[in-house]
Amino acid sequence: MSSESLAVKGGWVVTQNPKREILKTDILIENGRISQVGKVGKADEIVDAKGCAVIPGLINAHTHIAMTLMRGIADDMNLGGFLEKTFRVDALRTPDDILLGARLGAIEMLRSGCTSFVDMYYGQDMVAKAVQESGIRGFLGWVVLDDKFTTQKGSPLANCGNFIDGHRDIPNVHPFAALQGVYVCSEETLLKAKDLAYRKDTLLHIHLSETRKEVYDHQASTGKRPADWLYDIGFLSDKLLAAHCAWLTMNEIRRMAERGVSVAHCPVSNMKLASGQEAPVPEMQAAGMPVGLGTDGCSSQNRLDMWGEMKTCALLHKAQRLDASMMPAQRVFDMATAEGARALKMEKDLGSIEPGKIADLAVIDLGNPAMVPTFRENLISNLVYSCQSDCVRDTVVAGRIVMKDRKLLTVDQSEIAEQAQKSSEKFFH
C-alpha cells in the first residue's frame, strides 16, 4: 500500500505541464495522486530529491513484455527468418513462462523509470499477475485474430472479452482489445473487435504498416494500402493506437488524423529488423496525431529501455532528414511522457506532474557521471541524449515507492532473474 501522504522534496521537477515548466520545488502526493506542486511541509513519508530531477514516469507505448525470455533468440536475421524462429519458440511457451517473462520485463522497466507500458499478447491474465506483484502500470491488450490463424484455445475475440471483464477493476491493470494485424484479421474480426472496445469502453491497438511486405501483400489482395482499407471499412477511430506505421502515405496520415488515431513509434525495433525505414513521425505530428514511443518486444529490440528509444528516435530522424534540428529533445521527451499519455487517451491522469494527476514518477540522480553537468538549461537535452537506466534512483507508481535507492521493494530481482535464466534454456538448446 502507498503511504497516505508522500512528499518528494528539493528536486528539479520536470513538470511536462502545458508550459513545460522546470521548477526547483516539492511535490505532495496524497492517496496516490499529486495534490500539490510547490513548497511542502510535513508528510507521512519523505523522498529527498536534492541533486535530482523528478520526471513523470515514462510510458512505453508498445511492447510484448513476456518476450523477455526470448531476448537474443533470433538476432541478425532478416524478418522472414526472425518470424519463423520466434513463432517456433513462442509455441513452446507455457503460462508459467509468460508470467516469468512478464515479471522480468516489469523489473527492467521499473528500474529504468518506466511506470506504464502498453502490451499486446495472449495469456494476459499472467501478465496482469506480474503487474500486480511488481506495482507497474499495465495497459494489457489480449491479442485478437481470425479463429483459423490462432493457436489460442477457443475464440480469440471471446477470450479478449472475458479478459477485459475479469480485469477491469484491478488496480494498475487497464485491459483492452488488441489486433495482430490486417494479415491475420478479416474485416469481420476487425469490426467485431472495434465494437467490443466501444461496448467495454477500452483502448484498441493494432500493428499497422510495419513492413513493406505487409503493405504490398494487402494492396495485392484488396487493391488498397492497409490504413486506407481500414479507413474505408470504418475501423479507424479515436480509440485506436496503431503501432509502427513505418510505411504510410500522406493520404493515409491525413485519414488517420481525421479519425483521431494515435501512433506508437518503435524506431529501434524497426531499424534492427530492417523492416521499416523512417516512420513519417514529423508528418504525423504536424497533422496533429498523438505519437508515443514504444520499445516493441525483447525478441526484436532486446531491451525495454525507453532512454535508448528516446535517443535513437532523435538521431534516426535527424540522420534521415539530414537536419540536426529535426526531432528536438523536448519533442522526444514529450513522446515518452505527455504525448504517450495522450496517445493512450490518458492525458487527464498521466504524463505530467500536475495537481490531480496520478503520481507516477521517477527520480533521476543528476550526480551520475552521465548527467554531469546538468543545469535547468540543458536538463531536457541531458535526459534524452545522456540519461540511462542506472541514473534512475527511485520509481513511484500511484504514489507507492516501488524502487528506492535503486532497490526494488515489491519483488525479488535476483530470484526472478535466476528463474528466467533457467526457464529459457529450453528455447536456446
Protein backbone atom coordinates (compact mmCIF):
# COMPACT_ATOMS: atom_id res chain seq x y z
CA MET A 1 0.00 0.00 0.00
CA SER A 2 1.15 3.57 -0.67
CA SER A 3 1.67 5.94 2.22
CA GLU A 4 -1.27 8.18 2.93
CA SER A 5 0.93 11.13 2.00
CA LEU A 6 4.33 11.26 0.34
CA ALA A 7 6.48 14.33 -0.26
CA VAL A 8 9.23 14.45 -2.89
CA LYS A 9 11.33 17.42 -1.82
CA GLY A 10 14.01 19.67 -3.24
CA GLY A 11 14.43 18.35 -6.76
CA TRP A 12 14.23 19.86 -10.23
CA VAL A 13 10.63 19.00 -11.13
CA VAL A 14 10.23 18.43 -14.87
CA THR A 15 6.51 19.10 -14.84
CA GLN A 16 5.68 18.47 -18.52
CA ASN A 17 2.72 20.78 -17.90
CA PRO A 18 1.40 22.81 -20.86
CA LYS A 19 4.13 25.43 -20.29
CA ARG A 20 6.78 22.68 -19.92
CA GLU A 21 7.97 24.34 -16.71
CA ILE A 22 11.00 23.04 -14.82
CA LEU A 23 10.71 24.06 -11.17
CA LYS A 24 13.03 23.71 -8.16
CA THR A 25 10.29 22.68 -5.75
CA ASP A 26 8.46 19.92 -3.88
CA ILE A 27 5.63 17.54 -4.74
CA LEU A 28 2.94 16.38 -2.32
CA ILE A 29 1.20 13.08 -3.06
CA GLU A 30 -1.95 12.04 -1.24
CA ASN A 31 -3.88 8.82 -1.81
CA GLY A 32 -1.95 8.03 -4.98
CA ARG A 33 -2.41 11.39 -6.70
CA ILE A 34 -0.46 14.63 -6.86
CA SER A 35 -2.16 17.16 -4.62
CA GLN A 36 0.40 19.95 -4.72
CA VAL A 37 3.42 21.12 -6.72
CA GLY A 38 5.12 23.69 -4.51
CA LYS A 39 6.68 24.05 -1.08
CA VAL A 40 5.54 21.14 1.11
CA GLY A 41 5.75 20.88 4.89
CA LYS A 42 5.02 17.59 6.61
CA ALA A 43 4.10 14.24 5.05
CA ASP A 44 3.91 10.64 6.24
CA GLU A 45 6.94 9.79 4.10
CA ILE A 46 9.58 12.00 2.50
CA VAL A 47 11.83 11.38 -0.50
CA ASP A 48 14.83 13.71 -0.52
CA ALA A 49 15.31 14.68 -4.18
CA LYS A 50 18.10 17.24 -3.73
CA GLY A 51 20.58 16.86 -6.55
CA CYS A 52 17.97 15.01 -8.58
CA ALA A 53 15.41 15.60 -11.31
CA VAL A 54 11.86 14.36 -10.80
CA ILE A 55 10.13 13.40 -14.03
CA PRO A 56 6.76 11.91 -14.98
CA GLY A 57 7.04 8.13 -15.20
CA LEU A 58 7.99 7.07 -18.72
CA ILE A 59 5.32 5.42 -20.89
CA ASN A 60 6.27 2.51 -23.15
CA ALA A 61 3.54 2.72 -25.80
CA HIS A 62 4.06 -0.70 -27.41
CA THR A 63 5.71 -3.90 -26.26
CA HIS A 64 5.31 -7.62 -25.67
CA ILE A 65 6.64 -7.80 -22.13
CA ALA A 66 6.61 -11.59 -21.72
CA MET A 67 9.08 -11.99 -24.60
CA THR A 68 11.99 -11.07 -22.32
CA LEU A 69 12.70 -14.82 -22.12
CA MET A 70 13.36 -14.70 -25.89
CA ARG A 71 16.00 -11.95 -25.63
CA GLY A 72 18.67 -12.61 -28.27
CA ILE A 73 16.82 -15.61 -29.72
CA ALA A 74 16.88 -14.50 -33.36
CA ASP A 75 19.33 -11.64 -33.79
CA ASP A 76 20.86 -10.55 -37.10
CA MET A 77 18.19 -12.34 -39.14
CA ASN A 78 16.03 -10.92 -41.88
CA LEU A 79 12.37 -10.64 -40.99
CA GLY A 80 11.29 -13.94 -42.54
CA GLY A 81 13.84 -15.97 -40.60
CA PHE A 82 13.23 -13.94 -37.46
CA LEU A 83 9.48 -14.61 -37.56
CA GLU A 84 9.95 -18.31 -38.28
CA LYS A 85 12.31 -18.68 -35.30
CA THR A 86 10.24 -16.62 -32.85
CA PHE A 87 6.93 -18.28 -33.78
CA ARG A 88 8.51 -21.70 -33.30
CA VAL A 89 9.86 -20.78 -29.87
CA ASP A 90 6.68 -18.95 -28.89
CA ALA A 91 4.67 -22.15 -29.45
CA LEU A 92 6.73 -23.86 -26.72
CA ARG A 93 5.90 -21.30 -24.05
CA THR A 94 3.68 -22.16 -21.09
CA PRO A 95 1.57 -19.83 -18.93
CA ASP A 96 4.33 -20.02 -16.31
CA ASP A 97 6.84 -18.83 -18.93
CA ILE A 98 4.60 -15.88 -19.78
CA LEU A 99 4.32 -14.97 -16.08
CA LEU A 100 8.06 -15.20 -15.56
CA GLY A 101 8.83 -13.22 -18.69
CA ALA A 102 6.41 -10.51 -17.58
CA ARG A 103 7.98 -10.39 -14.12
CA LEU A 104 11.42 -9.93 -15.65
CA GLY A 105 10.15 -7.25 -18.02
CA ALA A 106 8.41 -5.34 -15.24
CA ILE A 107 11.68 -5.27 -13.27
CA GLU A 108 13.61 -3.96 -16.26
CA MET A 109 11.10 -1.19 -16.89
CA LEU A 110 10.69 -0.10 -13.27
CA ARG A 111 14.47 0.07 -12.87
CA SER A 112 14.56 2.48 -15.80
CA GLY A 113 11.81 4.78 -14.52
CA CYS A 114 9.17 3.41 -16.88
CA THR A 115 5.90 3.27 -14.93
CA SER A 116 3.39 2.40 -17.69
CA PHE A 117 3.53 0.02 -20.63
CA VAL A 118 1.17 -1.00 -23.43
CA ASP A 119 1.24 -4.72 -24.09
CA MET A 120 -0.15 -6.91 -26.85
CA TYR A 121 -0.20 -10.66 -26.24
CA TYR A 122 -2.28 -13.69 -25.36
CA GLY A 123 -2.14 -15.01 -21.78
CA GLN A 124 -2.61 -11.50 -20.45
CA ASP A 125 -4.04 -12.92 -17.23
CA MET A 126 -0.46 -13.98 -16.44
CA VAL A 127 0.88 -10.55 -17.37
CA ALA A 128 -1.76 -8.93 -15.16
CA LYS A 129 -0.49 -11.04 -12.26
CA ALA A 130 3.06 -9.74 -12.83
CA VAL A 131 1.68 -6.18 -12.94
CA GLN A 132 0.01 -6.63 -9.57
CA GLU A 133 3.11 -8.18 -8.00
CA SER A 134 5.59 -5.59 -9.25
CA GLY A 135 3.47 -2.46 -8.91
CA ILE A 136 3.95 -1.25 -12.50
CA ARG A 137 1.00 0.06 -14.56
CA GLY A 138 -0.02 -2.20 -17.44
CA PHE A 139 -2.27 -1.45 -20.40
CA LEU A 140 -2.88 -5.05 -21.41
CA GLY A 141 -4.36 -5.96 -24.78
CA TRP A 142 -5.45 -9.55 -25.37
CA VAL A 143 -4.50 -10.28 -28.96
CA VAL A 144 -7.36 -10.94 -31.39
CA LEU A 145 -7.06 -12.59 -34.81
CA ASP A 146 -9.17 -14.81 -37.04
CA ASP A 147 -10.01 -18.15 -35.45
CA LYS A 148 -8.37 -20.03 -38.34
CA PHE A 149 -4.97 -18.46 -37.62
CA THR A 150 -4.86 -18.72 -33.83
CA THR A 151 -3.11 -21.15 -31.50
CA GLN A 152 -5.30 -19.94 -28.62
CA LYS A 153 -7.84 -22.29 -27.09
CA GLY A 154 -11.30 -21.04 -28.04
CA SER A 155 -12.10 -17.86 -29.95
CA PRO A 156 -9.57 -15.01 -29.51
CA LEU A 157 -12.38 -12.43 -29.54
CA ALA A 158 -14.27 -14.23 -26.77
CA ASN A 159 -11.03 -14.67 -24.84
CA CYS A 160 -10.40 -10.94 -25.13
CA GLY A 161 -13.88 -10.07 -23.87
CA ASN A 162 -13.51 -12.42 -20.93
CA PHE A 163 -10.11 -10.95 -20.07
CA ILE A 164 -11.47 -7.39 -20.11
CA ASP A 165 -14.45 -8.32 -17.91
CA GLY A 166 -12.25 -10.16 -15.43
CA HIS A 167 -9.57 -7.49 -15.04
CA ARG A 168 -11.13 -4.07 -15.46
CA ASP A 169 -11.40 -3.36 -11.72
CA ILE A 170 -7.86 -4.42 -10.76
CA PRO A 171 -5.58 -1.52 -9.68
CA ASN A 172 -2.93 -0.56 -12.27
CA VAL A 173 -4.41 -3.01 -14.84
CA HIS A 174 -6.08 -1.45 -17.89
CA PRO A 175 -7.41 -4.26 -20.12
CA PHE A 176 -8.26 -3.65 -23.79
CA ALA A 177 -8.71 -5.22 -27.21
CA ALA A 178 -5.64 -5.72 -29.43
CA LEU A 179 -5.42 -6.96 -33.02
CA GLN A 180 -2.40 -8.71 -34.51
CA GLY A 181 -2.66 -7.05 -37.92
CA VAL A 182 -4.54 -6.93 -41.21
CA TYR A 183 -2.66 -10.04 -42.44
CA VAL A 184 -4.49 -12.31 -39.94
CA CYS A 185 -7.62 -10.25 -39.23
CA SER A 186 -10.60 -10.19 -41.57
CA GLU A 187 -12.93 -7.23 -41.89
CA GLU A 188 -15.42 -9.07 -39.68
CA THR A 189 -12.84 -9.69 -36.93
CA LEU A 190 -11.63 -6.09 -37.03
CA LEU A 191 -15.10 -4.60 -36.76
CA LYS A 192 -16.17 -7.01 -34.02
CA ALA A 193 -13.07 -6.04 -32.01
CA LYS A 194 -13.85 -2.36 -32.54
CA ASP A 195 -17.41 -2.98 -31.37
CA LEU A 196 -16.05 -4.77 -28.29
CA ALA A 197 -13.78 -1.80 -27.49
CA TYR A 198 -16.71 0.59 -27.74
CA ARG A 199 -19.02 -1.59 -25.66
CA LYS A 200 -16.40 -2.06 -22.95
CA ASP A 201 -15.00 1.49 -23.34
CA THR A 202 -11.40 0.37 -23.79
CA LEU A 203 -8.40 1.20 -25.91
CA LEU A 204 -7.99 -0.54 -29.28
CA HIS A 205 -4.50 -1.46 -30.50
CA ILE A 206 -3.08 -2.89 -33.75
CA HIS A 207 0.19 -3.49 -35.59
CA LEU A 208 -0.12 -1.38 -38.74
CA SER A 209 2.04 -0.97 -41.85
CA GLU A 210 5.09 -2.29 -40.03
CA THR A 211 6.72 -3.76 -43.15
CA ARG A 212 6.74 -3.07 -46.86
CA LYS A 213 5.67 -6.69 -47.48
CA GLU A 214 2.61 -6.24 -45.27
CA VAL A 215 1.59 -3.19 -47.29
CA TYR A 216 2.25 -4.72 -50.72
CA ASP A 217 0.56 -8.02 -49.86
CA HIS A 218 -2.53 -6.22 -48.61
CA GLN A 219 -2.57 -3.99 -51.66
CA ALA A 220 -2.37 -7.07 -53.89
CA SER A 221 -5.30 -8.80 -52.13
CA THR A 222 -7.62 -5.80 -51.59
CA GLY A 223 -6.43 -3.16 -54.03
CA LYS A 224 -5.78 -0.80 -51.09
CA ARG A 225 -3.00 0.02 -48.66
CA PRO A 226 -3.76 -1.14 -45.09
CA ALA A 227 -4.57 2.24 -43.50
CA ASP A 228 -6.69 3.27 -46.49
CA TRP A 229 -8.57 -0.03 -46.30
CA LEU A 230 -9.14 0.35 -42.55
CA TYR A 231 -10.49 3.84 -43.18
CA ASP A 232 -12.85 2.59 -45.87
CA ILE A 233 -14.27 -0.26 -43.76
CA GLY A 234 -14.89 2.11 -40.83
CA PHE A 235 -12.31 0.64 -38.47
CA LEU A 236 -10.20 3.74 -37.73
CA SER A 237 -11.32 5.62 -34.62
CA ASP A 238 -10.12 7.80 -31.78
CA LYS A 239 -9.82 4.70 -29.59
CA LEU A 240 -7.15 3.25 -31.86
CA LEU A 241 -3.44 3.17 -31.05
CA ALA A 242 -1.53 1.89 -34.09
CA ALA A 243 2.00 0.51 -33.61
CA HIS A 244 4.91 1.04 -36.04
CA CYS A 245 3.23 2.82 -39.00
CA ALA A 246 6.55 2.82 -40.86
CA TRP A 247 5.03 2.66 -44.35
CA LEU A 248 2.33 5.33 -44.59
CA THR A 249 1.49 7.75 -47.37
CA MET A 250 0.49 11.34 -46.68
CA ASN A 251 -3.06 10.43 -47.66
CA GLU A 252 -3.10 7.67 -45.05
CA ILE A 253 -1.72 10.05 -42.42
CA ARG A 254 -4.44 12.59 -43.19
CA ARG A 255 -7.16 9.92 -42.96
CA MET A 256 -5.79 8.54 -39.68
CA ALA A 257 -5.57 12.06 -38.24
CA GLU A 258 -9.14 12.76 -39.37
CA ARG A 259 -10.34 9.74 -37.36
CA GLY A 260 -8.27 10.65 -34.27
CA VAL A 261 -5.88 7.66 -34.46
CA SER A 262 -2.75 7.64 -32.25
CA VAL A 263 0.59 6.01 -33.07
CA ALA A 264 3.28 4.12 -31.14
CA HIS A 265 6.65 4.72 -32.82
CA CYS A 266 9.19 1.88 -32.34
CA PRO A 267 12.40 3.09 -34.01
CA VAL A 268 14.90 0.60 -32.55
CA SER A 269 12.85 -2.50 -33.43
CA ASN A 270 12.14 -1.22 -36.94
CA MET A 271 15.82 -0.44 -37.52
CA LYS A 272 17.10 -3.72 -36.08
CA LEU A 273 14.75 -5.83 -38.21
CA ALA A 274 15.34 -3.57 -41.21
CA SER A 275 11.58 -3.76 -41.59
CA GLY A 276 10.77 -0.08 -41.71
CA GLN A 277 12.96 2.81 -42.73
CA GLU A 278 11.93 6.00 -41.01
CA ALA A 279 8.31 6.19 -39.93
CA PRO A 280 6.96 9.60 -41.04
CA VAL A 281 6.63 10.83 -37.45
CA PRO A 282 7.20 14.56 -38.19
CA GLU A 283 4.35 14.43 -40.71
CA MET A 284 2.07 12.60 -38.23
CA GLN A 285 2.83 15.20 -35.55
CA ALA A 286 2.26 18.05 -38.00
CA ALA A 287 -1.16 16.52 -38.73
CA GLY A 288 -1.96 16.65 -35.00
CA MET A 289 -1.67 12.92 -34.31
CA PRO A 290 -0.51 11.93 -30.81
CA VAL A 291 2.68 9.86 -31.22
CA GLY A 292 4.14 7.89 -28.31
CA LEU A 293 7.32 5.81 -28.13
CA GLY A 294 7.49 2.04 -27.74
CA THR A 295 10.27 -0.50 -27.43
CA ASP A 296 8.47 -3.47 -29.01
CA GLY A 297 9.35 -6.88 -27.55
CA CYS A 298 12.75 -8.22 -26.46
CA SER A 299 12.88 -10.78 -29.25
CA SER A 300 13.38 -7.92 -31.70
CA GLN A 301 14.56 -4.94 -29.64
CA ASN A 302 16.42 -6.89 -26.90
CA ARG A 303 15.75 -4.20 -24.27
CA LEU A 304 12.76 -2.49 -22.69
CA ASP A 305 14.77 0.71 -22.33
CA MET A 306 12.95 3.95 -23.06
CA TRP A 307 16.15 6.00 -22.65
CA GLY A 308 17.75 4.25 -25.60
CA GLU A 309 14.48 4.55 -27.52
CA MET A 310 14.37 8.32 -26.99
CA LYS A 311 17.95 8.91 -28.13
CA THR A 312 17.57 6.61 -31.13
CA CYS A 313 14.33 8.33 -32.12
CA ALA A 314 16.02 11.71 -32.18
CA LEU A 315 19.12 10.51 -34.05
CA LEU A 316 17.20 8.47 -36.62
CA HIS A 317 15.05 11.37 -37.78
CA LYS A 318 17.95 13.83 -37.81
CA ALA A 319 20.05 11.45 -39.90
CA GLN A 320 17.26 10.54 -42.31
CA ARG A 321 16.28 14.17 -42.93
CA LEU A 322 19.87 15.49 -42.89
CA ASP A 323 18.63 18.10 -40.42
CA ALA A 324 20.12 18.32 -36.92
CA SER A 325 17.20 20.48 -35.75
CA MET A 326 14.71 17.71 -36.56
CA MET A 327 13.05 15.93 -33.61
CA PRO A 328 14.47 18.12 -30.82
CA ALA A 329 14.95 16.77 -27.29
CA GLN A 330 11.80 18.35 -25.84
CA ARG A 331 9.62 16.81 -28.52
CA VAL A 332 11.15 13.37 -27.99
CA PHE A 333 10.78 13.63 -24.20
CA ASP A 334 7.14 14.59 -24.78
CA MET A 335 6.67 11.38 -26.78
CA ALA A 336 7.81 9.32 -23.78
CA THR A 337 5.62 11.23 -21.31
CA ALA A 338 2.82 13.70 -22.10
CA GLU A 339 2.30 12.64 -25.72
CA GLY A 340 2.45 8.99 -24.74
CA ALA A 341 -0.35 9.66 -22.26
CA ARG A 342 -2.34 11.47 -24.97
CA ALA A 343 -1.83 8.52 -27.32
CA LEU A 344 -3.44 6.28 -24.66
CA LYS A 345 -6.28 8.77 -24.05
CA MET A 346 -4.90 9.07 -20.50
CA GLU A 347 -3.74 12.70 -20.58
CA LYS A 348 -6.09 13.61 -17.71
CA ASP A 349 -4.31 11.16 -15.42
CA LEU A 350 -0.77 10.53 -16.69
CA GLY A 351 2.16 12.10 -18.49
CA SER A 352 2.87 15.20 -16.38
CA ILE A 353 3.44 16.34 -12.80
CA GLU A 354 0.40 18.46 -12.05
CA PRO A 355 -2.16 18.54 -9.21
CA GLY A 356 -4.86 15.95 -9.78
CA LYS A 357 -2.70 13.60 -11.86
CA ILE A 358 -1.85 10.05 -10.78
CA ALA A 359 1.51 10.09 -9.01
CA ASP A 360 3.64 8.07 -11.44
CA LEU A 361 7.16 9.50 -11.10
CA ALA A 362 10.85 8.73 -11.46
CA VAL A 363 13.73 10.37 -9.58
CA ILE A 364 16.90 10.82 -11.66
CA ASP A 365 20.29 11.14 -9.96
CA LEU A 366 21.95 14.18 -11.50
CA GLY A 367 25.21 13.23 -9.77
CA ASN A 368 25.58 10.19 -12.01
CA PRO A 369 28.60 10.87 -14.24
CA ALA A 370 26.41 10.52 -17.34
CA MET A 371 24.33 13.50 -16.15
CA VAL A 372 27.14 15.90 -15.15
CA PRO A 373 26.97 18.82 -15.72
CA THR A 374 23.21 19.46 -15.61
CA PHE A 375 21.53 22.85 -15.29
CA ARG A 376 17.98 23.92 -15.97
CA GLU A 377 19.06 24.97 -19.47
CA ASN A 378 20.31 21.53 -20.56
CA LEU A 379 18.20 19.23 -18.36
CA ILE A 380 15.83 18.06 -21.08
CA SER A 381 18.70 17.51 -23.52
CA ASN A 382 20.60 15.50 -20.93
CA LEU A 383 17.53 13.37 -20.21
CA VAL A 384 17.16 12.48 -23.90
CA TYR A 385 20.80 12.25 -25.02
CA SER A 386 22.72 11.31 -21.85
CA CYS A 387 20.46 9.61 -19.34
CA GLN A 388 20.46 5.84 -18.94
CA SER A 389 18.70 3.37 -16.70
CA ASP A 390 21.34 3.42 -13.97
CA CYS A 391 20.68 7.13 -13.46
CA VAL A 392 17.20 6.29 -12.11
CA ARG A 393 17.28 6.22 -8.30
CA ASP A 394 13.61 5.91 -7.30
CA THR A 395 10.39 4.92 -9.06
CA VAL A 396 6.90 5.75 -7.80
CA VAL A 397 3.66 4.32 -9.21
CA ALA A 398 0.30 5.64 -7.99
CA GLY A 399 2.03 7.21 -5.01
CA ARG A 400 3.72 3.96 -3.98
CA ILE A 401 7.50 3.76 -3.90
CA VAL A 402 8.31 0.60 -5.87
CA MET A 403 12.05 1.26 -6.21
CA LYS A 404 14.09 3.15 -3.61
CA ASP A 405 17.81 3.84 -3.89
CA ARG A 406 17.89 1.50 -6.94
CA LYS A 407 16.45 -1.42 -4.95
CA LEU A 408 13.09 -2.86 -5.92
CA LEU A 409 10.74 -3.11 -2.95
CA THR A 410 8.00 -5.22 -4.49
CA VAL A 411 9.68 -8.29 -5.99
CA ASP A 412 12.92 -10.25 -5.62
CA GLN A 413 15.00 -9.27 -8.65
CA SER A 414 17.74 -11.86 -8.11
CA GLU A 415 15.31 -14.75 -7.72
CA ILE A 416 13.31 -13.79 -10.81
CA ALA A 417 16.46 -13.33 -12.93
CA GLU A 418 17.72 -16.74 -11.83
CA GLN A 419 14.39 -18.41 -12.64
CA ALA A 420 14.25 -16.67 -16.01
CA GLN A 421 17.73 -17.83 -16.94
CA LYS A 422 16.85 -21.43 -16.09
CA SER A 423 13.39 -21.41 -17.68
CA SER A 424 14.61 -20.01 -21.01
CA GLU A 425 17.23 -22.74 -21.55
CA LYS A 426 14.71 -24.87 -23.45
CA PHE A 427 14.30 -22.15 -26.08
CA PHE A 428 18.01 -21.91 -26.86
CA HIS A 429 19.11 -25.54 -26.84
